[in-house]
Amino acid sequence: MNNLLKTVVLKNISGGLLTVTVGKVRGLHLLAGESKLVSAGTLESPDVARLMKKGFLSVVESKPAPEDKKGKS
């Protein structure tokens, strides 16, 4: 239960779009090279485990870098 309160960063290390099923009706979409902050319980999903084993997803220690905002400076 304590596992659900922690967060991890999932990174798509494949060359394309990944759609990951993390629940019965919930999906997660990751573009190539994209990182997303998710709950640690997400790692228990069979789909996430399968994609990590095949080398398409990885868990990254650091938080994703903020994207540059284009605008007036």
N, C-alpha and C. Protein backbone atom coordinates (compact mmCIF):
# COMPACT_ATOMS: atom_id res chain seq x y z
N MET A 1 0.82 -1.18 0.00
CA MET A 1 0.00 0.00 0.00
C MET A 1 0.86 1.25 0.00
N ASN A 2 1.98 1.21 0.70
CA ASN A 2 2.90 2.34 0.73
C ASN A 2 3.50 2.60 -0.64
N ASN A 3 3.52 1.55 -1.48
CA ASN A 3 4.06 1.63 -2.83
C ASN A 3 3.26 2.59 -3.71
N LEU A 4 1.96 2.76 -3.44
CA LEU A 4 1.10 3.59 -4.26
C LEU A 4 1.37 5.07 -4.07
N LEU A 5 1.95 5.46 -2.94
CA LEU A 5 2.19 6.87 -2.66
C LEU A 5 3.46 7.38 -3.32
N LYS A 6 4.37 6.50 -3.67
CA LYS A 6 5.62 6.89 -4.30
C LYS A 6 5.42 7.08 -5.79
N THR A 7 6.29 7.88 -6.39
CA THR A 7 6.21 8.09 -7.84
C THR A 7 7.54 7.71 -8.48
N VAL A 8 7.47 7.30 -9.73
CA VAL A 8 8.66 6.97 -10.51
C VAL A 8 8.51 7.62 -11.87
N VAL A 9 9.60 7.67 -12.61
CA VAL A 9 9.57 8.23 -13.96
C VAL A 9 9.76 7.11 -14.95
N LEU A 10 8.77 6.92 -15.82
CA LEU A 10 8.87 5.95 -16.90
C LEU A 10 9.35 6.65 -18.15
N LYS A 11 10.32 6.07 -18.84
CA LYS A 11 10.85 6.67 -20.06
C LYS A 11 10.70 5.69 -21.21
N ASN A 12 10.19 6.20 -22.33
CA ASN A 12 10.06 5.41 -23.55
C ASN A 12 11.41 5.44 -24.25
N ILE A 13 12.10 4.30 -24.29
CA ILE A 13 13.41 4.25 -24.93
C ILE A 13 13.34 3.56 -26.28
N SER A 14 12.10 3.35 -26.76
CA SER A 14 11.93 2.78 -28.09
C SER A 14 11.90 3.92 -29.12
N GLY A 15 11.78 3.59 -30.35
CA GLY A 15 11.78 4.59 -31.41
C GLY A 15 10.40 5.07 -31.83
N GLY A 16 9.36 4.65 -31.14
CA GLY A 16 8.03 5.03 -31.58
C GLY A 16 7.07 5.24 -30.42
N LEU A 17 5.82 5.44 -30.74
CA LEU A 17 4.76 5.65 -29.77
C LEU A 17 4.45 4.34 -29.05
N LEU A 18 4.36 4.40 -27.72
CA LEU A 18 3.96 3.23 -26.93
C LEU A 18 2.63 3.53 -26.26
N THR A 19 1.71 2.60 -26.35
CA THR A 19 0.47 2.67 -25.60
C THR A 19 0.52 1.57 -24.57
N VAL A 20 0.48 1.95 -23.30
CA VAL A 20 0.64 1.01 -22.20
C VAL A 20 -0.66 0.93 -21.43
N THR A 21 -1.18 -0.26 -21.24
CA THR A 21 -2.38 -0.44 -20.43
C THR A 21 -1.95 -0.61 -18.98
N VAL A 22 -2.39 0.32 -18.12
CA VAL A 22 -1.98 0.27 -16.72
C VAL A 22 -3.15 -0.05 -15.80
N GLY A 23 -4.31 -0.27 -16.34
CA GLY A 23 -5.49 -0.64 -15.57
C GLY A 23 -6.53 -1.20 -16.50
N LYS A 24 -7.70 -1.48 -15.97
CA LYS A 24 -8.75 -2.05 -16.81
C LYS A 24 -9.16 -1.10 -17.93
N VAL A 25 -9.28 0.18 -17.62
CA VAL A 25 -9.73 1.14 -18.63
C VAL A 25 -8.77 2.31 -18.81
N ARG A 26 -7.62 2.25 -18.16
CA ARG A 26 -6.69 3.37 -18.22
C ARG A 26 -5.48 3.02 -19.07
N GLY A 27 -5.15 3.92 -19.98
CA GLY A 27 -3.99 3.73 -20.84
C GLY A 27 -3.03 4.89 -20.69
N LEU A 28 -1.80 4.64 -21.02
CA LEU A 28 -0.75 5.65 -20.94
C LEU A 28 -0.06 5.70 -22.29
N HIS A 29 0.06 6.89 -22.87
CA HIS A 29 0.69 7.05 -24.18
C HIS A 29 2.02 7.77 -24.00
N LEU A 30 3.08 7.19 -24.52
CA LEU A 30 4.41 7.77 -24.44
C LEU A 30 5.00 7.88 -25.84
N LEU A 31 5.37 9.09 -26.23
CA LEU A 31 6.05 9.30 -27.50
C LEU A 31 7.49 8.83 -27.38
N ALA A 32 8.18 8.69 -28.49
CA ALA A 32 9.58 8.26 -28.49
C ALA A 32 10.42 9.23 -27.66
N GLY A 33 11.15 8.72 -26.69
CA GLY A 33 12.01 9.52 -25.85
C GLY A 33 11.31 10.28 -24.74
N GLU A 34 10.00 10.18 -24.63
CA GLU A 34 9.23 10.93 -23.63
C GLU A 34 9.30 10.25 -22.27
N SER A 35 9.27 11.07 -21.22
CA SER A 35 9.24 10.57 -19.85
C SER A 35 7.98 11.07 -19.17
N LYS A 36 7.40 10.23 -18.30
CA LYS A 36 6.20 10.61 -17.55
C LYS A 36 6.34 10.17 -16.12
N LEU A 37 5.88 11.03 -15.22
CA LEU A 37 5.85 10.74 -13.80
C LEU A 37 4.59 9.94 -13.51
N VAL A 38 4.74 8.75 -12.94
CA VAL A 38 3.61 7.86 -12.65
C VAL A 38 3.76 7.31 -11.23
N SER A 39 2.67 6.76 -10.71
CA SER A 39 2.75 6.14 -9.38
C SER A 39 3.56 4.85 -9.47
N ALA A 40 4.20 4.50 -8.38
CA ALA A 40 5.04 3.30 -8.36
C ALA A 40 4.21 2.04 -8.57
N GLY A 41 2.92 2.08 -8.25
CA GLY A 41 2.04 0.93 -8.47
C GLY A 41 1.89 0.58 -9.94
N THR A 42 2.16 1.54 -10.82
CA THR A 42 2.08 1.31 -12.27
C THR A 42 3.07 0.24 -12.70
N LEU A 43 4.18 0.10 -12.02
CA LEU A 43 5.19 -0.89 -12.38
C LEU A 43 4.70 -2.32 -12.21
N GLU A 44 3.62 -2.50 -11.45
CA GLU A 44 3.07 -3.84 -11.22
C GLU A 44 2.16 -4.29 -12.36
N SER A 45 1.87 -3.41 -13.30
CA SER A 45 1.02 -3.76 -14.44
C SER A 45 1.75 -4.77 -15.33
N PRO A 46 1.06 -5.83 -15.77
CA PRO A 46 1.70 -6.82 -16.64
C PRO A 46 2.22 -6.21 -17.95
N ASP A 47 1.50 -5.23 -18.48
CA ASP A 47 1.91 -4.58 -19.73
C ASP A 47 3.21 -3.81 -19.54
N VAL A 48 3.34 -3.10 -18.42
CA VAL A 48 4.55 -2.34 -18.14
C VAL A 48 5.73 -3.29 -17.95
N ALA A 49 5.51 -4.36 -17.20
CA ALA A 49 6.58 -5.35 -16.97
C ALA A 49 7.05 -5.97 -18.28
N ARG A 50 6.11 -6.29 -19.17
CA ARG A 50 6.45 -6.89 -20.46
C ARG A 50 7.28 -5.92 -21.32
N LEU A 51 6.88 -4.65 -21.36
CA LEU A 51 7.60 -3.66 -22.17
C LEU A 51 8.98 -3.36 -21.60
N MET A 52 9.11 -3.41 -20.27
CA MET A 52 10.43 -3.20 -19.65
C MET A 52 11.35 -4.39 -19.97
N LYS A 53 10.81 -5.60 -19.93
CA LYS A 53 11.60 -6.80 -20.21
C LYS A 53 12.10 -6.81 -21.66
N LYS A 54 11.26 -6.30 -22.58
CA LYS A 54 11.65 -6.26 -24.00
C LYS A 54 12.56 -5.07 -24.32
N GLY A 55 12.74 -4.15 -23.38
CA GLY A 55 13.65 -3.03 -23.59
C GLY A 55 13.01 -1.81 -24.23
N PHE A 56 11.69 -1.67 -24.12
CA PHE A 56 11.02 -0.51 -24.67
C PHE A 56 10.79 0.59 -23.64
N LEU A 57 10.70 0.22 -22.37
CA LEU A 57 10.47 1.17 -21.27
C LEU A 57 11.58 1.03 -20.25
N SER A 58 11.89 2.13 -19.58
CA SER A 58 12.84 2.07 -18.48
C SER A 58 12.36 2.97 -17.35
N VAL A 59 12.83 2.70 -16.15
CA VAL A 59 12.53 3.53 -15.00
C VAL A 59 13.75 4.43 -14.79
N VAL A 60 13.51 5.73 -14.75
CA VAL A 60 14.58 6.71 -14.64
C VAL A 60 14.57 7.27 -13.22
N GLU A 61 15.73 7.47 -12.65
CA GLU A 61 15.84 7.98 -11.28
C GLU A 61 15.42 9.44 -11.15
N SER A 62 15.83 10.26 -12.12
CA SER A 62 15.55 11.70 -12.01
C SER A 62 14.21 12.05 -12.62
N LYS A 63 13.69 13.22 -12.23
CA LYS A 63 12.43 13.70 -12.79
C LYS A 63 12.65 14.18 -14.21
N PRO A 64 11.60 14.14 -15.06
CA PRO A 64 11.77 14.61 -16.44
C PRO A 64 12.09 16.09 -16.49
N ALA A 65 12.93 16.47 -17.43
CA ALA A 65 13.32 17.87 -17.57
C ALA A 65 12.12 18.68 -18.06
N PRO A 66 11.95 19.89 -17.54
CA PRO A 66 10.83 20.71 -18.01
C PRO A 66 11.05 21.12 -19.46
N GLU A 67 9.94 21.19 -20.19
CA GLU A 67 10.04 21.56 -21.59
C GLU A 67 10.24 23.06 -21.69
N ASP A 68 11.00 23.49 -22.73
CA ASP A 68 11.21 24.91 -22.95
C ASP A 68 9.92 25.54 -23.43
N LYS A 69 9.59 26.67 -22.81
CA LYS A 69 8.39 27.40 -23.22
C LYS A 69 8.81 28.46 -24.22
N LYS A 70 8.12 28.49 -25.34
CA LYS A 70 8.41 29.50 -26.33
C LYS A 70 7.49 30.69 -26.07
N GLY A 71 8.06 31.85 -26.12
CA GLY A 71 7.26 33.04 -25.88
C GLY A 71 8.17 34.25 -25.77
N LYS A 72 7.61 35.31 -25.25
CA LYS A 72 8.38 36.55 -25.10
C LYS A 72 9.43 36.38 -24.02
N SER A 73 10.58 36.99 -24.26
CA SER A 73 11.64 36.93 -23.25
C SER A 73 12.22 38.29 -23.01
